[in-house]
PDB file of N, CA and C in Angstrom:
ATOM      1  N   MET A   1       0.848  -1.168   0.000  1.00  0.00           N
ATOM      2  CA  MET A   1       0.000   0.000   0.000  1.00  0.00           C
ATOM      3  C   MET A   1       0.896   1.234   0.000  1.00  0.00           C
ATOM      4  N   LYS A   2       0.515   2.193  -0.837  1.00  0.00           N
ATOM      5  CA  LYS A   2       1.268   3.432  -0.934  1.00  0.00           C
ATOM      6  C   LYS A   2       0.373   4.571  -0.447  1.00  0.00           C
ATOM      7  N   THR A   3       0.953   5.508   0.285  1.00  0.00           N
ATOM      8  CA  THR A   3       0.220   6.673   0.767  1.00  0.00           C
ATOM      9  C   THR A   3       0.880   7.923   0.218  1.00  0.00           C
ATOM     10  N   ILE A   4       0.060   8.802  -0.363  1.00  0.00           N
ATOM     11  CA  ILE A   4       0.569  10.075  -0.856  1.00  0.00           C
ATOM     12  C   ILE A   4      -0.314  11.199  -0.319  1.00  0.00           C
ATOM     13  N   THR A   5       0.176  12.423  -0.424  1.00  0.00           N
ATOM     14  CA  THR A   5      -0.563  13.580   0.043  1.00  0.00           C
ATOM     15  C   THR A   5      -0.847  14.501  -1.136  1.00  0.00           C
ATOM     16  N   LEU A   6      -2.095  14.934  -1.259  1.00  0.00           N
ATOM     17  CA  LEU A   6      -2.480  15.800  -2.371  1.00  0.00           C
ATOM     18  C   LEU A   6      -1.616  17.061  -2.432  1.00  0.00           C
ATOM     19  N   GLU A   7      -1.469  17.724  -1.297  1.00  0.00           N
ATOM     20  CA  GLU A   7      -0.751  18.996  -1.271  1.00  0.00           C
ATOM     21  C   GLU A   7       0.731  18.833  -1.617  1.00  0.00           C
ATOM     22  N   LYS A   8       1.347  17.792  -1.124  1.00  0.00           N
ATOM     23  CA  LYS A   8       2.786  17.597  -1.325  1.00  0.00           C
ATOM     24  C   LYS A   8       3.086  16.971  -2.686  1.00  0.00           C
ATOM     25  N   ASP A   9       2.328  15.929  -3.059  1.00  0.00           N
ATOM     26  CA  ASP A   9       2.643  15.162  -4.267  1.00  0.00           C
ATOM     27  C   ASP A   9       1.932  15.678  -5.518  1.00  0.00           C
ATOM     28  N   ASN A  10       0.798  16.354  -5.344  1.00  0.00           N
ATOM     29  CA  ASN A  10       0.030  16.924  -6.449  1.00  0.00           C
ATOM     30  C   ASN A  10      -0.121  15.939  -7.624  1.00  0.00           C
ATOM     31  N   PRO A  11      -0.680  14.747  -7.366  1.00  0.00           N
ATOM     32  CA  PRO A  11      -0.764  13.736  -8.429  1.00  0.00           C
ATOM     33  C   PRO A  11      -1.863  14.070  -9.448  1.00  0.00           C
ATOM     34  N   THR A  12      -1.634  13.646 -10.677  1.00  0.00           N
ATOM     35  CA  THR A  12      -2.689  13.729 -11.681  1.00  0.00           C
ATOM     36  C   THR A  12      -3.513  12.449 -11.595  1.00  0.00           C
ATOM     37  N   LEU A  13      -4.675  12.464 -12.197  1.00  0.00           N
ATOM     38  CA  LEU A  13      -5.509  11.267 -12.217  1.00  0.00           C
ATOM     39  C   LEU A  13      -4.781  10.123 -12.918  1.00  0.00           C
ATOM     40  N   VAL A  14      -4.085  10.437 -13.989  1.00  0.00           N
ATOM     41  CA  VAL A  14      -3.329   9.413 -14.717  1.00  0.00           C
ATOM     42  C   VAL A  14      -2.275   8.800 -13.808  1.00  0.00           C
ATOM     43  N   ASN A  15      -1.557   9.643 -13.045  1.00  0.00           N
ATOM     44  CA  ASN A  15      -0.557   9.122 -12.100  1.00  0.00           C
ATOM     45  C   ASN A  15      -1.178   8.180 -11.088  1.00  0.00           C
ATOM     46  N   LEU A  16      -2.340   8.572 -10.568  1.00  0.00           N
ATOM     47  CA  LEU A  16      -3.009   7.755  -9.562  1.00  0.00           C
ATOM     48  C   LEU A  16      -3.441   6.407 -10.130  1.00  0.00           C
ATOM     49  N   VAL A  17      -3.978   6.415 -11.324  1.00  0.00           N
ATOM     50  CA  VAL A  17      -4.394   5.159 -11.960  1.00  0.00           C
ATOM     51  C   VAL A  17      -3.185   4.270 -12.209  1.00  0.00           C
ATOM     52  N   GLU A  18      -2.091   4.853 -12.665  1.00  0.00           N
ATOM     53  CA  GLU A  18      -0.862   4.078 -12.895  1.00  0.00           C
ATOM     54  C   GLU A  18      -0.326   3.497 -11.598  1.00  0.00           C
ATOM     55  N   MET A  19      -0.334   4.295 -10.532  1.00  0.00           N
ATOM     56  CA  MET A  19       0.134   3.799  -9.231  1.00  0.00           C
ATOM     57  C   MET A  19      -0.774   2.684  -8.723  1.00  0.00           C
ATOM     58  N   ALA A  20      -2.077   2.827  -8.940  1.00  0.00           N
ATOM     59  CA  ALA A  20      -3.028   1.824  -8.464  1.00  0.00           C
ATOM     60  C   ALA A  20      -2.860   0.498  -9.191  1.00  0.00           C
ATOM     61  N   ALA A  21      -2.295   0.522 -10.383  1.00  0.00           N
ATOM     62  CA  ALA A  21      -2.033  -0.737 -11.096  1.00  0.00           C
ATOM     63  C   ALA A  21      -1.038  -1.592 -10.317  1.00  0.00           C
ATOM     64  N   GLU A  22      -0.227  -0.938  -9.487  1.00  0.00           N
ATOM     65  CA  GLU A  22       0.776  -1.639  -8.678  1.00  0.00           C
ATOM     66  C   GLU A  22       0.226  -2.089  -7.327  1.00  0.00           C
ATOM     67  N   GLY A  23      -0.849  -1.456  -6.866  1.00  0.00           N
ATOM     68  CA  GLY A  23      -1.417  -1.792  -5.569  1.00  0.00           C
ATOM     69  C   GLY A  23      -2.265  -0.636  -5.052  1.00  0.00           C
ATOM     70  N   VAL A  24      -2.774  -0.785  -3.855  1.00  0.00           N
ATOM     71  CA  VAL A  24      -3.657   0.216  -3.253  1.00  0.00           C
ATOM     72  C   VAL A  24      -2.886   1.514  -3.010  1.00  0.00           C
ATOM     73  N   VAL A  25      -3.535   2.644  -3.351  1.00  0.00           N
ATOM     74  CA  VAL A  25      -2.953   3.966  -3.112  1.00  0.00           C
ATOM     75  C   VAL A  25      -3.935   4.766  -2.261  1.00  0.00           C
ATOM     76  N   VAL A  26      -3.483   5.193  -1.097  1.00  0.00           N
ATOM     77  CA  VAL A  26      -4.287   6.045  -0.222  1.00  0.00           C
ATOM     78  C   VAL A  26      -3.830   7.477  -0.462  1.00  0.00           C
ATOM     79  N   VAL A  27      -4.794   8.339  -0.757  1.00  0.00           N
ATOM     80  CA  VAL A  27      -4.485   9.746  -1.019  1.00  0.00           C
ATOM     81  C   VAL A  27      -4.995  10.559   0.163  1.00  0.00           C
ATOM     82  N   ASN A  28      -4.067  11.208   0.836  1.00  0.00           N
ATOM     83  CA  ASN A  28      -4.425  12.032   1.988  1.00  0.00           C
ATOM     84  C   ASN A  28      -4.602  13.480   1.571  1.00  0.00           C
ATOM     85  N   ARG A  29      -5.555  14.125   2.215  1.00  0.00           N
ATOM     86  CA  ARG A  29      -5.699  15.578   2.123  1.00  0.00           C
ATOM     87  C   ARG A  29      -5.295  16.069   3.507  1.00  0.00           C
ATOM     88  N   GLY A  30      -4.136  16.705   3.578  1.00  0.00           N
ATOM     89  CA  GLY A  30      -3.568  17.034   4.885  1.00  0.00           C
ATOM     90  C   GLY A  30      -3.139  15.731   5.540  1.00  0.00           C
ATOM     91  N   SER A  31      -3.613  15.510   6.736  1.00  0.00           N
ATOM     92  CA  SER A  31      -3.248  14.267   7.434  1.00  0.00           C
ATOM     93  C   SER A  31      -4.368  13.226   7.403  1.00  0.00           C
ATOM     94  N   GLU A  32      -5.471  13.556   6.728  1.00  0.00           N
ATOM     95  CA  GLU A  32      -6.630  12.658   6.697  1.00  0.00           C
ATOM     96  C   GLU A  32      -6.780  11.964   5.345  1.00  0.00           C
ATOM     97  N   PRO A  33      -7.103  10.662   5.344  1.00  0.00           N
ATOM     98  CA  PRO A  33      -7.369   9.975   4.075  1.00  0.00           C
ATOM     99  C   PRO A  33      -8.575  10.596   3.365  1.00  0.00           C
ATOM    100  N   ALA A  34      -8.430  10.856   2.073  1.00  0.00           N
ATOM    101  CA  ALA A  34      -9.514  11.454   1.302  1.00  0.00           C
ATOM    102  C   ALA A  34     -10.013  10.511   0.213  1.00  0.00           C
ATOM    103  N   TYR A  35      -9.098   9.761  -0.401  1.00  0.00           N
ATOM    104  CA  TYR A  35      -9.452   8.854  -1.497  1.00  0.00           C
ATOM    105  C   TYR A  35      -8.603   7.596  -1.396  1.00  0.00           C
ATOM    106  N   VAL A  36      -9.146   6.526  -1.971  1.00  0.00           N
ATOM    107  CA  VAL A  36      -8.381   5.284  -2.101  1.00  0.00           C
ATOM    108  C   VAL A  36      -8.519   4.820  -3.544  1.00  0.00           C
ATOM    109  N   PHE A  37      -7.412   4.565  -4.177  1.00  0.00           N
ATOM    110  CA  PHE A  37      -7.399   4.006  -5.527  1.00  0.00           C
ATOM    111  C   PHE A  37      -6.943   2.566  -5.406  1.00  0.00           C
ATOM    112  N   MET A  38      -7.703   1.682  -6.048  1.00  0.00           N
ATOM    113  CA  MET A  38      -7.407   0.259  -5.949  1.00  0.00           C
ATOM    114  C   MET A  38      -7.198  -0.322  -7.343  1.00  0.00           C
ATOM    115  N   PRO A  39      -6.356  -1.330  -7.453  1.00  0.00           N
ATOM    116  CA  PRO A  39      -6.181  -1.964  -8.753  1.00  0.00           C
ATOM    117  C   PRO A  39      -7.463  -2.688  -9.158  1.00  0.00           C
ATOM    118  N   VAL A  40      -7.778  -2.643 -10.434  1.00  0.00           N
ATOM    119  CA  VAL A  40      -8.952  -3.339 -10.946  1.00  0.00           C
ATOM    120  C   VAL A  40      -8.560  -4.143 -12.174  1.00  0.00           C
ATOM    121  N   GLU A  41      -9.310  -5.186 -12.397  1.00  0.00           N
ATOM    122  CA  GLU A  41      -9.088  -6.014 -13.572  1.00  0.00           C
ATOM    123  C   GLU A  41      -9.682  -5.336 -14.799  1.00  0.00           C
ATOM    124  N   LYS A  42      -9.156  -5.656 -15.956  1.00  0.00           N
ATOM    125  CA  LYS A  42      -9.651  -5.089 -17.207  1.00  0.00           C
ATOM    126  C   LYS A  42     -11.148  -5.364 -17.370  1.00  0.00           C
ATOM    127  N   ASP A  43     -11.600  -6.543 -16.984  1.00  0.00           N
ATOM    128  CA  ASP A  43     -13.025  -6.886 -17.088  1.00  0.00           C
ATOM    129  C   ASP A  43     -13.884  -5.967 -16.234  1.00  0.00           C
ATOM    130  N   ASP A  44     -13.379  -5.572 -15.062  1.00  0.00           N
ATOM    131  CA  ASP A  44     -14.130  -4.673 -14.192  1.00  0.00           C
ATOM    132  C   ASP A  44     -14.289  -3.307 -14.841  1.00  0.00           C
ATOM    133  N   ILE A  45     -13.238  -2.822 -15.478  1.00  0.00           N
ATOM    134  CA  ILE A  45     -13.297  -1.528 -16.156  1.00  0.00           C
ATOM    135  C   ILE A  45     -14.291  -1.584 -17.300  1.00  0.00           C
ATOM    136  N   GLN A  46     -14.260  -2.668 -18.068  1.00  0.00           N
ATOM    137  CA  GLN A  46     -15.194  -2.809 -19.183  1.00  0.00           C
ATOM    138  C   GLN A  46     -16.631  -2.893 -18.685  1.00  0.00           C
ATOM    139  N   SER A  47     -16.865  -3.607 -17.601  1.00  0.00           N
ATOM    140  CA  SER A  47     -18.215  -3.699 -17.034  1.00  0.00           C
ATOM    141  C   SER A  47     -18.708  -2.335 -16.582  1.00  0.00           C
ATOM    142  N   TRP A  48     -17.845  -1.563 -15.944  1.00  0.00           N
ATOM    143  CA  TRP A  48     -18.223  -0.234 -15.483  1.00  0.00           C
ATOM    144  C   TRP A  48     -18.561   0.658 -16.673  1.00  0.00           C
ATOM    145  N   LYS A  49     -17.718   0.618 -17.710  1.00  0.00           N
ATOM    146  CA  LYS A  49     -17.973   1.442 -18.892  1.00  0.00           C
ATOM    147  C   LYS A  49     -19.294   1.050 -19.553  1.00  0.00           C
ATOM    148  N   LEU A  50     -19.551  -0.240 -19.648  1.00  0.00           N
ATOM    149  CA  LEU A  50     -20.793  -0.703 -20.263  1.00  0.00           C
ATOM    150  C   LEU A  50     -21.996  -0.254 -19.437  1.00  0.00           C
ATOM    151  N   GLY A  51     -21.890  -0.347 -18.133  1.00  0.00           N
ATOM    152  CA  GLY A  51     -22.980   0.050 -17.256  1.00  0.00           C
ATOM    153  C   GLY A  51     -23.248   1.552 -17.270  1.00  0.00           C
ATOM    154  N   GLU A  52     -22.319   2.331 -17.767  1.00  0.00           N
ATOM    155  CA  GLU A  52     -22.473   3.777 -17.866  1.00  0.00           C
ATOM    156  C   GLU A  52     -22.824   4.227 -19.283  1.00  0.00           C
ATOM    157  N   ASN A  53     -22.899   3.284 -20.220  1.00  0.00           N
ATOM    158  CA  ASN A  53     -23.143   3.609 -21.623  1.00  0.00           C
ATOM    159  C   ASN A  53     -24.639   3.843 -21.849  1.00  0.00           C
ATOM    160  N   PRO A  54     -25.037   5.063 -22.221  1.00  0.00           N
ATOM    161  CA  PRO A  54     -26.462   5.368 -22.389  1.00  0.00           C
ATOM    162  C   PRO A  54     -27.150   4.490 -23.445  1.00  0.00           C
ATOM    163  N   GLU A  55     -26.466   4.188 -24.520  1.00  0.00           N
ATOM    164  CA  GLU A  55     -27.063   3.348 -25.569  1.00  0.00           C
ATOM    165  C   GLU A  55     -27.324   1.933 -25.054  1.00  0.00           C
ATOM    166  N   PHE A  56     -26.362   1.384 -24.321  1.00  0.00           N
ATOM    167  CA  PHE A  56     -26.539   0.050 -23.754  1.00  0.00           C
ATOM    168  C   PHE A  56     -27.689   0.045 -22.742  1.00  0.00           C
ATOM    169  N   LEU A  57     -27.737   1.068 -21.900  1.00  0.00           N
ATOM    170  CA  LEU A  57     -28.811   1.145 -20.898  1.00  0.00           C
ATOM    171  C   LEU A  57     -30.179   1.257 -21.559  1.00  0.00           C
ATOM    172  N   LYS A  58     -30.259   1.981 -22.667  1.00  0.00           N
ATOM    173  CA  LYS A  58     -31.514   2.097 -23.411  1.00  0.00           C
ATOM    174  C   LYS A  58     -31.942   0.729 -23.948  1.00  0.00           C
ATOM    175  N   ILE A  59     -31.007  -0.028 -24.485  1.00  0.00           N
ATOM    176  CA  ILE A  59     -31.298  -1.376 -24.993  1.00  0.00           C
ATOM    177  C   ILE A  59     -31.768  -2.273 -23.854  1.00  0.00           C
ATOM    178  N   MET A  60     -31.109  -2.195 -22.708  1.00  0.00           N
ATOM    179  CA  MET A  60     -31.472  -3.034 -21.568  1.00  0.00           C
ATOM    180  C   MET A  60     -32.870  -2.685 -21.054  1.00  0.00           C
ATOM    181  N   ARG A  61     -33.197  -1.384 -20.994  1.00  0.00           N
ATOM    182  CA  ARG A  61     -34.535  -0.985 -20.543  1.00  0.00           C
ATOM    183  C   ARG A  61     -35.611  -1.491 -21.502  1.00  0.00           C
ATOM    184  N   ALA A  62     -35.354  -1.366 -22.803  1.00  0.00           N
ATOM    185  CA  ALA A  62     -36.316  -1.841 -23.804  1.00  0.00           C
ATOM    186  C   ALA A  62     -36.489  -3.355 -23.697  1.00  0.00           C
ATOM    187  N   SER A  63     -35.407  -4.066 -23.464  1.00  0.00           N
ATOM    188  CA  SER A  63     -35.484  -5.523 -23.315  1.00  0.00           C
ATOM    189  C   SER A  63     -36.282  -5.902 -22.070  1.00  0.00           C
ATOM    190  N   TRP A  64     -36.096  -5.150 -20.990  1.00  0.00           N
ATOM    191  CA  TRP A  64     -36.814  -5.424 -19.753  1.00  0.00           C
ATOM    192  C   TRP A  64     -38.320  -5.225 -19.947  1.00  0.00           C
ATOM    193  N   VAL A  65     -38.686  -4.137 -20.634  1.00  0.00           N
ATOM    194  CA  VAL A  65     -40.099  -3.858 -20.898  1.00  0.00           C
ATOM    195  C   VAL A  65     -40.696  -4.980 -21.750  1.00  0.00           C
ATOM    196  N   LYS A  66     -39.952  -5.387 -22.779  1.00  0.00           N
ATOM    197  CA  LYS A  66     -40.432  -6.470 -23.658  1.00  0.00           C
ATOM    198  C   LYS A  66     -40.604  -7.770 -22.866  1.00  0.00           C
ATOM    199  N   LEU A  67     -39.673  -8.065 -21.988  1.00  0.00           N
ATOM    200  CA  LEU A  67     -39.767  -9.269 -21.165  1.00  0.00           C
ATOM    201  C   LEU A  67     -40.997  -9.213 -20.265  1.00  0.00           C
ATOM    202  N   GLN A  68     -41.255  -8.061 -19.666  1.00  0.00           N
ATOM    203  CA  GLN A  68     -42.408  -7.913 -18.794  1.00  0.00           C
ATOM    204  C   GLN A  68     -43.726  -8.102 -19.543  1.00  0.00           C
ATOM    205  N   LYS A  69     -43.777  -7.622 -20.786  1.00  0.00           N
ATOM    206  CA  LYS A  69     -45.005  -7.716 -21.578  1.00  0.00           C
ATOM    207  C   LYS A  69     -45.188  -9.092 -22.206  1.00  0.00           C
ATOM    208  N   ALA A  70     -44.138  -9.609 -22.825  1.00  0.00           N
ATOM    209  CA  ALA A  70     -44.258 -10.826 -23.621  1.00  0.00           C
ATOM    210  C   ALA A  70     -43.809 -12.081 -22.889  1.00  0.00           C
ATOM    211  N   GLY A  71     -43.113 -11.922 -21.777  1.00  0.00           N
ATOM    212  CA  GLY A  71     -42.581 -13.093 -21.087  1.00  0.00           C
ATOM    213  C   GLY A  71     -41.257 -13.517 -21.704  1.00  0.00           C
ATOM    214  N   GLY A  72     -40.723 -14.558 -21.195  1.00  0.00           N
ATOM    215  CA  GLY A  72     -39.429 -15.030 -21.667  1.00  0.00           C
ATOM    216  C   GLY A  72     -39.360 -16.540 -21.642  1.00  0.00           C
ATOM    217  N   VAL A  73     -38.162 -17.050 -21.758  1.00  0.00           N
ATOM    218  CA  VAL A  73     -37.947 -18.499 -21.710  1.00  0.00           C
ATOM    219  C   VAL A  73     -36.995 -18.812 -20.567  1.00  0.00           C
ATOM    220  N   SER A  74     -37.045 -20.031 -20.097  1.00  0.00           N
ATOM    221  CA  SER A  74     -36.149 -20.449 -19.023  1.00  0.00           C
ATOM    222  C   SER A  74     -34.723 -20.564 -19.564  1.00  0.00           C
ATOM    223  N   LEU A  75     -33.772 -20.605 -18.657  1.00  0.00           N
ATOM    224  CA  LEU A  75     -32.382 -20.782 -19.045  1.00  0.00           C
ATOM    225  C   LEU A  75     -32.200 -22.106 -19.780  1.00  0.00           C
ATOM    226  N   ALA A  76     -32.866 -23.154 -19.320  1.00  0.00           N
ATOM    227  CA  ALA A  76     -32.778 -24.466 -19.972  1.00  0.00           C
ATOM    228  C   ALA A  76     -33.295 -24.390 -21.413  1.00  0.00           C
ATOM    229  N   GLU A  77     -34.408 -23.674 -21.618  1.00  0.00           N
ATOM    230  CA  GLU A  77     -34.965 -23.512 -22.958  1.00  0.00           C
ATOM    231  C   GLU A  77     -34.021 -22.706 -23.851  1.00  0.00           C
ATOM    232  N   ALA A  78     -33.431 -21.659 -23.297  1.00  0.00           N
ATOM    233  CA  ALA A  78     -32.485 -20.849 -24.069  1.00  0.00           C
ATOM    234  C   ALA A  78     -31.289 -21.690 -24.492  1.00  0.00           C
ATOM    235  N   ARG A  79     -30.768 -22.503 -23.583  1.00  0.00           N
ATOM    236  CA  ARG A  79     -29.639 -23.383 -23.921  1.00  0.00           C
ATOM    237  C   ARG A  79     -30.024 -24.348 -25.031  1.00  0.00           C
ATOM    238  N   GLN A  80     -31.202 -24.937 -24.893  1.00  0.00           N
ATOM    239  CA  GLN A  80     -31.672 -25.891 -25.901  1.00  0.00           C
ATOM    240  C   GLN A  80     -31.763 -25.205 -27.266  1.00  0.00           C
ATOM    241  N   ARG A  81     -32.323 -24.019 -27.313  1.00  0.00           N
ATOM    242  CA  ARG A  81     -32.460 -23.284 -28.579  1.00  0.00           C
ATOM    243  C   ARG A  81     -31.086 -22.978 -29.182  1.00  0.00           C
ATOM    244  N   LEU A  82     -30.145 -22.589 -28.336  1.00  0.00           N
ATOM    245  CA  LEU A  82     -28.785 -22.288 -28.832  1.00  0.00           C
ATOM    246  C   LEU A  82     -28.121 -23.537 -29.389  1.00  0.00           C
ATOM    247  N   LEU A  83     -28.324 -24.665 -28.732  1.00  0.00           N
ATOM    248  CA  LEU A  83     -27.693 -25.915 -29.175  1.00  0.00           C
ATOM    249  C   LEU A  83     -28.312 -26.410 -30.490  1.00  0.00           C
ATOM    250  N   THR A  84     -29.599 -26.228 -30.659  1.00  0.00           N
ATOM    251  CA  THR A  84     -30.234 -26.712 -31.891  1.00  0.00           C
ATOM    252  C   THR A  84     -30.010 -25.767 -33.061  1.00  0.00           C
ATOM    253  N   ASP A  85     -29.689 -24.482 -32.797  1.00  0.00           N
ATOM    254  CA  ASP A  85     -29.429 -23.532 -33.875  1.00  0.00           C
ATOM    255  C   ASP A  85     -28.037 -23.668 -34.456  1.00  0.00           C
ATOM    256  N   SER A  86     -27.126 -24.287 -33.728  1.00  0.00           N
ATOM    257  CA  SER A  86     -25.736 -24.344 -34.227  1.00  0.00           C
ATOM    258  C   SER A  86     -25.417 -25.624 -34.953  1.00  0.00           C
TER     259      SER A  86
END
């Protein structure tokens, strides 16, 4: 774990992300912890970006509405359909 101070180290966001790739970074404001940057896997970053994508969220909302109105199929049925289509 690395600890830095905003006032003394004046890190950029890019610096903080790079440091977090190596491990946890605690950023102090004065003598008090203000932020913690943690390493994340590439999949986590992609999931976060997807969850923030307005176009994707619009598609998901439309799919949810369609499911509520028309119903859906069980996971077993979906698997069966995928296996017979290939």
